[in-house]
N, C-alpha and C. Protein backbone atom coordinates (compact mmCIF):
# COMPACT_ATOMS: atom_id res chain seq x y z
N MET A 1 0.82 -1.19 0.00
CA MET A 1 0.00 0.00 0.00
C MET A 1 0.86 1.26 0.00
N LEU A 2 1.96 1.25 0.73
CA LEU A 2 2.84 2.40 0.77
C LEU A 2 3.36 2.73 -0.62
N ILE A 3 3.76 1.72 -1.36
CA ILE A 3 4.30 1.97 -2.69
C ILE A 3 3.21 2.51 -3.61
N ASP A 4 1.99 1.99 -3.48
CA ASP A 4 0.90 2.52 -4.30
C ASP A 4 0.66 4.00 -3.98
N ASN A 5 0.65 4.34 -2.70
CA ASN A 5 0.46 5.74 -2.32
C ASN A 5 1.62 6.59 -2.81
N SER A 6 2.85 6.06 -2.73
CA SER A 6 4.01 6.79 -3.20
C SER A 6 3.91 7.01 -4.71
N TYR A 7 3.40 6.00 -5.40
CA TYR A 7 3.25 6.14 -6.86
C TYR A 7 2.27 7.25 -7.19
N LYS A 8 1.16 7.32 -6.45
CA LYS A 8 0.18 8.37 -6.74
C LYS A 8 0.81 9.74 -6.55
N THR A 9 1.61 9.91 -5.53
CA THR A 9 2.32 11.17 -5.32
C THR A 9 3.33 11.37 -6.43
N SER A 10 4.08 10.32 -6.77
CA SER A 10 5.13 10.44 -7.78
C SER A 10 4.57 10.70 -9.16
N ALA A 11 3.36 10.26 -9.43
CA ALA A 11 2.76 10.52 -10.74
C ALA A 11 2.59 12.02 -10.95
N VAL A 12 2.33 12.75 -9.89
CA VAL A 12 2.23 14.20 -9.99
C VAL A 12 3.62 14.81 -10.12
N ILE A 13 4.59 14.20 -9.47
CA ILE A 13 5.95 14.72 -9.47
C ILE A 13 6.61 14.55 -10.83
N PHE A 14 6.34 13.45 -11.50
CA PHE A 14 6.99 13.16 -12.78
C PHE A 14 5.95 13.18 -13.91
N PRO A 15 5.40 14.34 -14.24
CA PRO A 15 4.36 14.38 -15.26
C PRO A 15 4.88 14.19 -16.67
N ALA A 16 6.16 14.45 -16.91
CA ALA A 16 6.71 14.33 -18.27
C ALA A 16 6.83 12.87 -18.66
N ALA A 17 6.91 12.65 -19.96
CA ALA A 17 7.04 11.28 -20.47
C ALA A 17 8.43 10.72 -20.21
N SER A 18 9.43 11.59 -20.08
CA SER A 18 10.78 11.12 -19.82
C SER A 18 11.51 12.13 -18.96
N THR A 19 12.60 11.69 -18.36
CA THR A 19 13.44 12.54 -17.54
C THR A 19 14.86 12.06 -17.64
N HIS A 20 15.79 12.81 -17.13
CA HIS A 20 17.19 12.41 -17.15
C HIS A 20 17.54 11.75 -15.83
N ASP A 21 18.25 10.62 -15.90
CA ASP A 21 18.69 9.97 -14.67
C ASP A 21 20.01 10.60 -14.22
N ASP A 22 20.63 10.03 -13.18
CA ASP A 22 21.85 10.58 -12.61
C ASP A 22 23.00 10.63 -13.61
N ASN A 23 23.00 9.75 -14.60
CA ASN A 23 24.06 9.70 -15.59
C ASN A 23 23.79 10.61 -16.79
N GLY A 24 22.66 11.29 -16.80
CA GLY A 24 22.33 12.19 -17.89
C GLY A 24 21.60 11.53 -19.03
N SER A 25 21.37 10.23 -18.96
CA SER A 25 20.65 9.57 -20.04
C SER A 25 19.15 9.69 -19.79
N ILE A 26 18.40 9.60 -20.88
CA ILE A 26 16.95 9.75 -20.78
C ILE A 26 16.33 8.45 -20.27
N GLU A 27 15.45 8.60 -19.31
CA GLU A 27 14.78 7.45 -18.72
C GLU A 27 13.27 7.68 -18.83
N GLN A 28 12.57 6.69 -19.32
CA GLN A 28 11.11 6.79 -19.40
C GLN A 28 10.54 6.79 -17.98
N VAL A 29 9.62 7.70 -17.71
CA VAL A 29 8.98 7.75 -16.41
C VAL A 29 7.65 7.04 -16.54
N THR A 30 7.66 5.82 -16.13
CA THR A 30 6.46 5.00 -16.14
C THR A 30 6.12 4.67 -14.70
N PRO A 31 4.92 4.19 -14.46
CA PRO A 31 4.60 3.77 -13.09
C PRO A 31 5.61 2.76 -12.54
N LYS A 32 6.08 1.87 -13.40
CA LYS A 32 7.06 0.88 -12.98
C LYS A 32 8.38 1.54 -12.58
N ALA A 33 8.81 2.55 -13.36
CA ALA A 33 10.06 3.25 -13.04
C ALA A 33 9.94 4.01 -11.72
N VAL A 34 8.79 4.61 -11.48
CA VAL A 34 8.58 5.34 -10.23
C VAL A 34 8.61 4.37 -9.05
N ARG A 35 7.92 3.25 -9.19
CA ARG A 35 7.93 2.26 -8.10
C ARG A 35 9.34 1.74 -7.85
N ARG A 36 10.12 1.57 -8.92
CA ARG A 36 11.51 1.11 -8.78
C ARG A 36 12.33 2.13 -8.00
N ARG A 37 12.14 3.41 -8.30
CA ARG A 37 12.85 4.46 -7.56
C ARG A 37 12.47 4.45 -6.09
N VAL A 38 11.19 4.35 -5.82
CA VAL A 38 10.72 4.34 -4.42
C VAL A 38 11.31 3.14 -3.69
N ARG A 39 11.26 1.98 -4.31
CA ARG A 39 11.81 0.78 -3.68
C ARG A 39 13.30 0.91 -3.41
N THR A 40 14.04 1.49 -4.36
CA THR A 40 15.48 1.65 -4.20
C THR A 40 15.80 2.55 -3.00
N VAL A 41 15.12 3.66 -2.90
CA VAL A 41 15.36 4.58 -1.78
C VAL A 41 15.00 3.91 -0.46
N LEU A 42 13.85 3.25 -0.42
CA LEU A 42 13.45 2.58 0.82
C LEU A 42 14.40 1.45 1.19
N LEU A 43 14.89 0.72 0.20
CA LEU A 43 15.85 -0.35 0.47
C LEU A 43 17.14 0.21 1.07
N GLN A 44 17.64 1.30 0.51
CA GLN A 44 18.85 1.91 1.04
C GLN A 44 18.65 2.40 2.48
N ALA A 45 17.51 3.02 2.73
CA ALA A 45 17.23 3.51 4.08
C ALA A 45 17.07 2.35 5.06
N ARG A 46 16.41 1.28 4.64
CA ARG A 46 16.25 0.11 5.51
C ARG A 46 17.60 -0.54 5.84
N GLU A 47 18.51 -0.58 4.86
CA GLU A 47 19.84 -1.14 5.11
C GLU A 47 20.58 -0.35 6.18
N LYS A 48 20.49 0.97 6.11
CA LYS A 48 21.13 1.81 7.13
C LYS A 48 20.45 1.63 8.49
N HIS A 49 19.13 1.48 8.48
CA HIS A 49 18.40 1.25 9.72
C HIS A 49 18.85 -0.06 10.37
N GLU A 50 18.97 -1.10 9.56
CA GLU A 50 19.40 -2.39 10.09
C GLU A 50 20.81 -2.31 10.66
N GLU A 51 21.70 -1.64 9.95
CA GLU A 51 23.07 -1.47 10.43
C GLU A 51 23.09 -0.72 11.77
N ALA A 52 22.34 0.38 11.84
CA ALA A 52 22.28 1.17 13.08
C ALA A 52 21.69 0.35 14.22
N HIS A 53 20.66 -0.43 13.92
CA HIS A 53 20.00 -1.22 14.96
C HIS A 53 20.94 -2.29 15.53
N ILE A 54 21.67 -2.97 14.65
CA ILE A 54 22.59 -4.02 15.11
C ILE A 54 23.68 -3.41 15.99
N LEU A 55 24.22 -2.28 15.58
CA LEU A 55 25.25 -1.62 16.38
C LEU A 55 24.70 -1.15 17.72
N TRP A 56 23.48 -0.65 17.73
CA TRP A 56 22.85 -0.22 18.97
C TRP A 56 22.58 -1.42 19.87
N GLU A 57 22.14 -2.52 19.28
CA GLU A 57 21.90 -3.73 20.07
C GLU A 57 23.17 -4.21 20.75
N TYR A 58 24.31 -4.13 20.07
CA TYR A 58 25.57 -4.53 20.69
C TYR A 58 25.83 -3.67 21.93
N TRP A 59 25.62 -2.38 21.78
CA TRP A 59 25.87 -1.46 22.90
C TRP A 59 24.98 -1.80 24.09
N THR A 60 23.71 -2.08 23.83
CA THR A 60 22.79 -2.36 24.94
C THR A 60 23.00 -3.75 25.53
N ALA A 61 23.48 -4.69 24.71
CA ALA A 61 23.64 -6.07 25.19
C ALA A 61 25.04 -6.34 25.75
N GLU A 62 25.91 -5.39 25.65
CA GLU A 62 27.31 -5.60 26.03
C GLU A 62 27.49 -5.58 27.55
N ASN A 63 26.63 -6.25 28.23
CA ASN A 63 26.78 -6.45 29.67
C ASN A 63 26.91 -5.13 30.43
N SER A 64 25.84 -4.53 30.73
CA SER A 64 25.78 -3.32 31.56
C SER A 64 26.27 -2.06 30.83
N ASP A 65 25.80 -1.88 29.62
CA ASP A 65 26.07 -0.65 28.86
C ASP A 65 27.54 -0.27 28.81
N GLY A 66 28.39 -1.21 28.43
CA GLY A 66 29.79 -0.91 28.22
C GLY A 66 30.68 -1.08 29.43
N PHE A 67 30.21 -1.75 30.46
CA PHE A 67 30.99 -1.89 31.68
C PHE A 67 32.31 -2.61 31.43
N HIS A 68 32.31 -3.68 30.63
CA HIS A 68 33.52 -4.45 30.42
C HIS A 68 34.43 -3.90 29.34
N LYS A 69 33.85 -3.32 28.29
CA LYS A 69 34.64 -2.77 27.19
C LYS A 69 34.07 -1.40 26.81
N PRO A 70 34.31 -0.40 27.62
CA PRO A 70 33.67 0.90 27.37
C PRO A 70 34.07 1.52 26.03
N ASP A 71 35.33 1.35 25.60
CA ASP A 71 35.75 1.94 24.32
C ASP A 71 35.02 1.30 23.14
N LEU A 72 34.89 -0.02 23.17
CA LEU A 72 34.19 -0.73 22.10
C LEU A 72 32.69 -0.39 22.11
N ALA A 73 32.14 -0.28 23.31
CA ALA A 73 30.72 0.07 23.41
C ALA A 73 30.48 1.47 22.87
N ARG A 74 31.36 2.41 23.21
CA ARG A 74 31.23 3.78 22.72
C ARG A 74 31.38 3.83 21.20
N GLU A 75 32.33 3.08 20.67
CA GLU A 75 32.53 3.03 19.22
C GLU A 75 31.29 2.45 18.52
N SER A 76 30.71 1.43 19.11
CA SER A 76 29.52 0.81 18.53
C SER A 76 28.35 1.79 18.53
N LEU A 77 28.17 2.50 19.62
CA LEU A 77 27.08 3.46 19.71
C LEU A 77 27.30 4.63 18.75
N THR A 78 28.53 5.10 18.64
CA THR A 78 28.85 6.18 17.71
C THR A 78 28.59 5.75 16.27
N SER A 79 28.98 4.53 15.94
CA SER A 79 28.74 4.00 14.58
C SER A 79 27.25 3.84 14.32
N SER A 80 26.51 3.47 15.34
CA SER A 80 25.06 3.33 15.21
C SER A 80 24.42 4.68 14.88
N ILE A 81 24.85 5.71 15.57
CA ILE A 81 24.32 7.05 15.33
C ILE A 81 24.67 7.50 13.90
N ALA A 82 25.89 7.23 13.47
CA ALA A 82 26.30 7.62 12.11
C ALA A 82 25.47 6.90 11.05
N ALA A 83 25.23 5.60 11.24
CA ALA A 83 24.42 4.84 10.28
C ALA A 83 22.99 5.35 10.26
N SER A 84 22.47 5.67 11.44
CA SER A 84 21.11 6.20 11.53
C SER A 84 20.99 7.53 10.79
N LYS A 85 21.96 8.41 10.99
CA LYS A 85 21.94 9.70 10.31
C LYS A 85 22.08 9.53 8.80
N ALA A 86 22.87 8.54 8.37
CA ALA A 86 23.00 8.28 6.93
C ALA A 86 21.67 7.84 6.33
N GLY A 87 20.92 7.00 7.06
CA GLY A 87 19.61 6.56 6.59
C GLY A 87 18.63 7.72 6.49
N VAL A 88 18.65 8.60 7.47
CA VAL A 88 17.78 9.77 7.45
C VAL A 88 18.16 10.68 6.28
N LYS A 89 19.46 10.82 6.01
CA LYS A 89 19.92 11.65 4.89
C LYS A 89 19.42 11.09 3.56
N ILE A 90 19.44 9.78 3.42
CA ILE A 90 18.94 9.16 2.18
C ILE A 90 17.48 9.56 1.96
N LEU A 91 16.68 9.47 3.00
CA LEU A 91 15.26 9.82 2.88
C LEU A 91 15.08 11.32 2.65
N ASN A 92 15.82 12.15 3.39
CA ASN A 92 15.71 13.59 3.21
C ASN A 92 16.11 14.02 1.80
N ASP A 93 17.18 13.42 1.27
CA ASP A 93 17.61 13.74 -0.09
C ASP A 93 16.54 13.37 -1.11
N ALA A 94 15.92 12.22 -0.92
CA ALA A 94 14.85 11.79 -1.84
C ALA A 94 13.66 12.74 -1.75
N MET A 95 13.31 13.16 -0.55
CA MET A 95 12.20 14.10 -0.40
C MET A 95 12.54 15.47 -0.99
N ALA A 96 13.80 15.88 -0.92
CA ALA A 96 14.21 17.16 -1.51
C ALA A 96 14.04 17.12 -3.03
N VAL A 97 14.36 16.00 -3.65
CA VAL A 97 14.16 15.85 -5.09
C VAL A 97 12.69 15.98 -5.42
N VAL A 98 11.86 15.35 -4.62
CA VAL A 98 10.41 15.41 -4.85
C VAL A 98 9.93 16.85 -4.73
N LYS A 99 10.37 17.56 -3.70
CA LYS A 99 9.94 18.94 -3.51
C LYS A 99 10.43 19.83 -4.65
N LYS A 100 11.66 19.60 -5.10
CA LYS A 100 12.21 20.38 -6.20
C LYS A 100 11.38 20.15 -7.47
N ASP A 101 11.01 18.91 -7.72
CA ASP A 101 10.20 18.60 -8.90
C ASP A 101 8.80 19.20 -8.78
N GLU A 102 8.26 19.27 -7.57
CA GLU A 102 6.94 19.88 -7.39
C GLU A 102 6.99 21.38 -7.68
N VAL A 103 8.08 22.04 -7.31
CA VAL A 103 8.23 23.47 -7.55
C VAL A 103 8.31 23.74 -9.05
N LYS A 104 9.01 22.87 -9.80
CA LYS A 104 9.12 23.05 -11.25
C LYS A 104 7.76 22.97 -11.92
N LYS A 105 6.87 22.18 -11.35
CA LYS A 105 5.55 21.99 -11.91
C LYS A 105 4.76 23.24 -11.79
């Protein structure tokens, strides 16, 4: 359902028959292409979420919040925060493209 809703929004965003992709080549904007873009962005964000979650889990499970290996626990938590911020950036960048395309319309 999320992808269907995203497609309805994206149909307004990509009204032209074609657009240029990141490499400058022309790409047909079809419902399938829009769904592929949405899936790609969501997959990238989910991968960062999973990475952040695993690193956070290590920090919380490392026997009393880093009591035995505080440096490793701190590194794990810091890496978790970085992965989380990277996932948020992926989503924010995708939304910025959408907003930019809406303004052009």
